[in-house]
Protein backbone atom coordinates (compact mmCIF):
# COMPACT_ATOMS: atom_id res chain seq x y z
CA UNK A 1 11.02 -11.02 2.46
CA UNK A 2 13.62 -11.10 -0.30
CA UNK A 3 17.36 -10.76 -0.14
CA UNK A 4 18.59 -7.17 -0.38
CA UNK A 5 20.60 -7.73 -3.54
CA UNK A 6 17.94 -9.75 -5.38
CA UNK A 7 16.00 -8.81 -8.50
CA UNK A 8 12.82 -9.25 -6.47
CA UNK A 9 13.86 -6.63 -3.93
CA UNK A 10 15.03 -4.27 -6.65
CA UNK A 11 11.65 -4.56 -8.38
CA UNK A 12 9.87 -3.95 -5.08
CA UNK A 13 11.80 -0.70 -4.77
CA UNK A 14 11.08 0.21 -8.38
CA UNK A 15 7.41 -0.51 -7.79
CA UNK A 16 7.43 1.73 -4.69
CA UNK A 17 9.03 4.57 -6.70
CA UNK A 18 6.47 4.05 -9.49
CA UNK A 19 3.62 4.41 -7.03
CA UNK A 20 5.15 7.41 -5.35
CA UNK A 21 6.00 9.43 -8.47
CA UNK A 22 3.50 8.08 -10.98
CA UNK A 23 0.93 10.71 -11.66
CA UNK A 24 -1.14 11.35 -14.74
CA UNK A 25 -0.79 14.90 -15.93
CA UNK A 26 -0.65 16.74 -19.23
CA UNK A 27 3.03 17.64 -18.62
CA UNK A 28 4.03 14.02 -17.91
CA UNK A 29 2.21 12.79 -21.00
CA UNK A 30 3.93 15.39 -23.23
CA UNK A 31 7.43 14.68 -21.87
CA UNK A 32 7.12 10.91 -21.48
CA UNK A 33 4.24 9.44 -23.47
CA UNK A 34 2.67 6.27 -22.11
CA UNK A 35 3.22 3.09 -24.05
CA UNK A 36 -0.46 2.40 -23.69
CA UNK A 37 -2.30 5.76 -23.54
CA UNK A 38 -5.64 3.94 -23.15
CA UNK A 39 -4.42 2.86 -19.68
CA UNK A 40 -3.55 6.43 -18.59
CA UNK A 41 -6.53 6.45 -16.18
CA UNK A 42 -4.81 3.90 -13.92
CA UNK A 43 -1.83 6.19 -13.17
CA UNK A 44 -2.17 7.31 -9.56
CA UNK A 45 0.27 8.84 -7.10
CA UNK A 46 0.40 7.33 -3.64
CA UNK A 47 1.38 9.60 -0.80
CA UNK A 48 2.26 6.73 1.56
CA UNK A 49 4.21 3.74 0.22
CA UNK A 50 5.48 0.71 2.16
CA UNK A 51 7.86 -1.85 0.62
CA UNK A 52 8.01 -5.44 1.90
CA UNK A 53 6.36 -4.52 5.24
CA UNK A 54 5.50 -7.55 7.34
CA UNK A 55 2.39 -7.17 9.46
CA UNK A 56 0.01 -9.33 11.47
CA UNK A 57 -2.40 -9.12 8.53
CA UNK A 58 -3.11 -12.16 6.38
CA UNK A 59 -1.48 -10.51 3.39
CA UNK A 60 2.03 -9.07 3.43
CA UNK A 61 2.36 -7.09 0.26
CA UNK A 62 5.53 -6.54 -1.72
CA UNK A 63 4.44 -2.90 -2.26
CA UNK A 64 1.50 -1.20 -0.64
CA UNK A 65 0.44 2.44 -1.31
CA UNK A 66 -2.23 4.83 -0.18
CA UNK A 67 -3.28 7.95 -2.10
CA UNK A 68 -5.77 9.28 0.44
CA UNK A 69 -8.65 7.53 -1.18
CA UNK A 70 -7.51 4.19 -2.66
CA UNK A 71 -4.95 1.60 -1.66
CA UNK A 72 -2.77 -0.02 -4.22
CA UNK A 73 -0.93 -3.40 -3.97
CA UNK A 74 1.88 -4.47 -6.22
CA UNK A 75 2.92 -8.15 -6.13
CA UNK A 76 6.37 -8.60 -7.69
CA UNK A 77 7.09 -11.78 -9.64
CA UNK A 78 10.47 -12.49 -11.17
CA UNK A 79 9.62 -15.93 -12.60
CA UNK A 80 6.61 -17.63 -14.07
CA UNK A 81 6.77 -20.38 -11.43
CA UNK A 82 6.69 -17.72 -8.67
CA UNK A 83 3.54 -16.33 -10.29
CA UNK A 84 1.87 -19.77 -10.42
CA UNK A 85 2.82 -20.39 -6.76
CA UNK A 86 1.19 -17.06 -5.81
CA UNK A 87 -2.26 -18.58 -6.54
CA UNK A 88 -1.74 -20.98 -3.57
CA UNK A 89 -1.14 -18.20 -1.00
CA UNK A 90 -3.58 -18.00 1.86
CA UNK A 91 -4.24 -14.34 1.00
CA UNK A 92 -5.46 -15.32 -2.50
CA UNK A 93 -7.86 -17.98 -1.17
CA UNK A 94 -9.64 -16.28 1.72
CA UNK A 95 -12.45 -13.81 2.06
CA UNK A 96 -11.76 -10.65 0.09
CA UNK A 97 -12.29 -8.64 3.30
CA UNK A 98 -8.89 -9.78 4.62
CA UNK A 99 -6.94 -9.03 1.44
CA UNK A 100 -5.25 -5.72 0.71
CA UNK A 101 -5.66 -3.25 -2.11
CA UNK A 102 -8.48 -1.47 -3.88
CA UNK A 103 -6.21 -1.61 -6.90
CA UNK A 104 -4.08 -4.74 -7.39
CA UNK A 105 -1.14 -5.19 -9.78
CA UNK A 106 1.40 -7.82 -10.67
CA UNK A 107 4.80 -6.38 -11.64
CA UNK A 108 7.31 -8.53 -13.53
CA UNK A 109 10.05 -8.32 -16.20
CA UNK A 110 8.52 -8.16 -19.64
CA UNK A 111 6.82 -11.31 -20.73
CA UNK A 112 7.03 -13.35 -17.47
CA UNK A 113 3.25 -13.13 -16.98
CA UNK A 114 0.90 -13.14 -19.94
CA UNK A 115 -2.25 -10.91 -19.73
CA UNK A 116 -4.56 -13.88 -20.20
CA UNK A 117 -3.10 -15.58 -17.05
CA UNK A 118 -4.14 -12.81 -14.66
CA UNK A 119 -6.67 -13.45 -11.93
CA UNK A 120 -9.87 -11.47 -12.37
CA UNK A 121 -9.52 -7.80 -11.53
CA UNK A 122 -5.69 -7.76 -11.38
CA UNK A 123 -3.63 -5.38 -13.46
CA UNK A 124 -0.27 -6.11 -15.02
CA UNK A 125 2.88 -3.92 -15.02
CA UNK A 126 5.95 -4.74 -17.06
CA UNK A 127 9.49 -3.66 -16.26
CA UNK A 128 11.74 -3.24 -19.26
CA UNK A 129 14.96 -2.91 -17.29
CA UNK A 130 14.57 0.84 -16.87
CA UNK A 131 10.88 1.77 -16.65
CA UNK A 132 7.59 0.35 -15.45
CA UNK A 133 4.56 0.57 -17.69
CA UNK A 134 0.99 -0.76 -17.52
CA UNK A 135 -0.14 -3.63 -19.78
CA UNK A 136 -3.56 -4.45 -18.32
CA UNK A 137 -5.60 -2.09 -16.16
CA UNK A 138 -6.87 -3.44 -12.81
CA UNK A 139 -10.50 -3.16 -11.62
CA UNK A 140 -11.14 -1.16 -8.49
CA UNK A 141 -12.51 -3.08 -5.48
CA UNK A 142 -13.90 -2.01 -2.18
CA UNK A 143 -11.58 -1.32 0.77
CA UNK A 144 -10.74 -4.06 3.20
CA UNK A 145 -9.60 -4.80 6.75
CA UNK A 146 -6.26 -5.86 5.32
CA UNK A 147 -5.67 -2.24 4.27
CA UNK A 148 -6.53 -0.93 7.74
CA UNK A 149 -4.03 -3.37 9.25
CA UNK A 150 -1.35 -2.16 6.84
CA UNK A 151 -2.07 1.47 7.76
CA UNK A 152 -2.06 0.61 11.47
CA UNK A 153 1.30 -1.20 10.97
CA UNK A 154 2.81 1.91 9.37
CA UNK A 155 1.50 4.15 12.11
CA UNK A 156 2.87 1.78 14.78
CA UNK A 157 6.34 1.66 13.17
CA UNK A 158 6.42 5.39 12.74
CA UNK A 159 5.39 5.90 16.40
CA UNK A 160 2.17 7.67 15.59
CA UNK A 161 0.09 5.86 18.18
CA UNK A 162 -0.72 6.57 21.82
CA UNK A 163 -1.21 10.22 21.13
CA UNK A 164 -4.03 12.65 20.99
CA UNK A 165 -3.85 14.74 17.88
CA UNK A 166 -5.44 18.13 18.57
CA UNK A 167 -5.74 19.76 15.15
CA UNK A 168 -7.45 22.88 16.46
CA UNK A 169 -4.33 23.81 18.41
CA UNK A 170 -6.16 25.44 21.32
CA UNK A 171 -5.48 23.98 24.76
CA UNK A 172 -8.49 22.67 26.68
CA UNK A 173 -9.99 25.05 29.21
CA UNK A 174 -11.60 22.22 31.16
CA UNK A 175 -9.74 21.48 34.37
CA UNK A 176 -9.72 17.99 35.72
CA UNK A 177 -11.60 17.60 38.98
CA UNK A 178 -10.26 14.13 39.71
CA UNK A 179 -7.01 12.26 39.46
CA UNK A 180 -7.49 8.59 38.67
CA UNK A 181 -11.11 8.93 39.90
CA UNK A 182 -10.18 10.57 43.26
CA UNK A 183 -11.38 14.14 43.82
CA UNK A 184 -8.41 16.61 43.70
CA UNK A 185 -9.44 18.16 47.08
CA UNK A 186 -8.92 14.81 48.78
CA UNK A 187 -5.44 14.48 47.26
CA UNK A 188 -4.47 18.03 48.29
CA UNK A 189 -5.67 17.57 51.86
CA UNK A 190 -3.60 14.40 52.32
CA UNK A 191 -0.33 16.20 51.37
């Protein structure tokens, strides 16, 4: 986890905002044209975004987002040596099933990472000091257990566990005949 006033943390927040508000649309493209229109297909809007969340998963992402279908990971790098060190992480050298992200990006200030240095399938986002824009489109991968652990971590932190979510809204008409396995009549007679 980075220091609150660091460039790394600020770029994590910018990456989270980019995932949350980034959406391809005719209106967006008219008002704010992409620097690389050929990469417009990679613009997605994530409904759930977590920044620097630490979980029990193998991979703790700088930014993780979920759009209802795909998960997106953004790894923030503020120096070239940080990028080179990233290749040694356990999460980069284990079975893909434990990694996070159907869509995986590196985000850095302009020029820190060169497109030809990217691992296979990763995309590249540049930050120009004000905006984030895509340089290389990522390839989509299959979902993983790492993503499920991230989602579980968010649900746990937001206290969404240990509940029954009844989306029909109607109360049950079935009456319990036992309490902890003991017939109700037996309990009533003892009182």
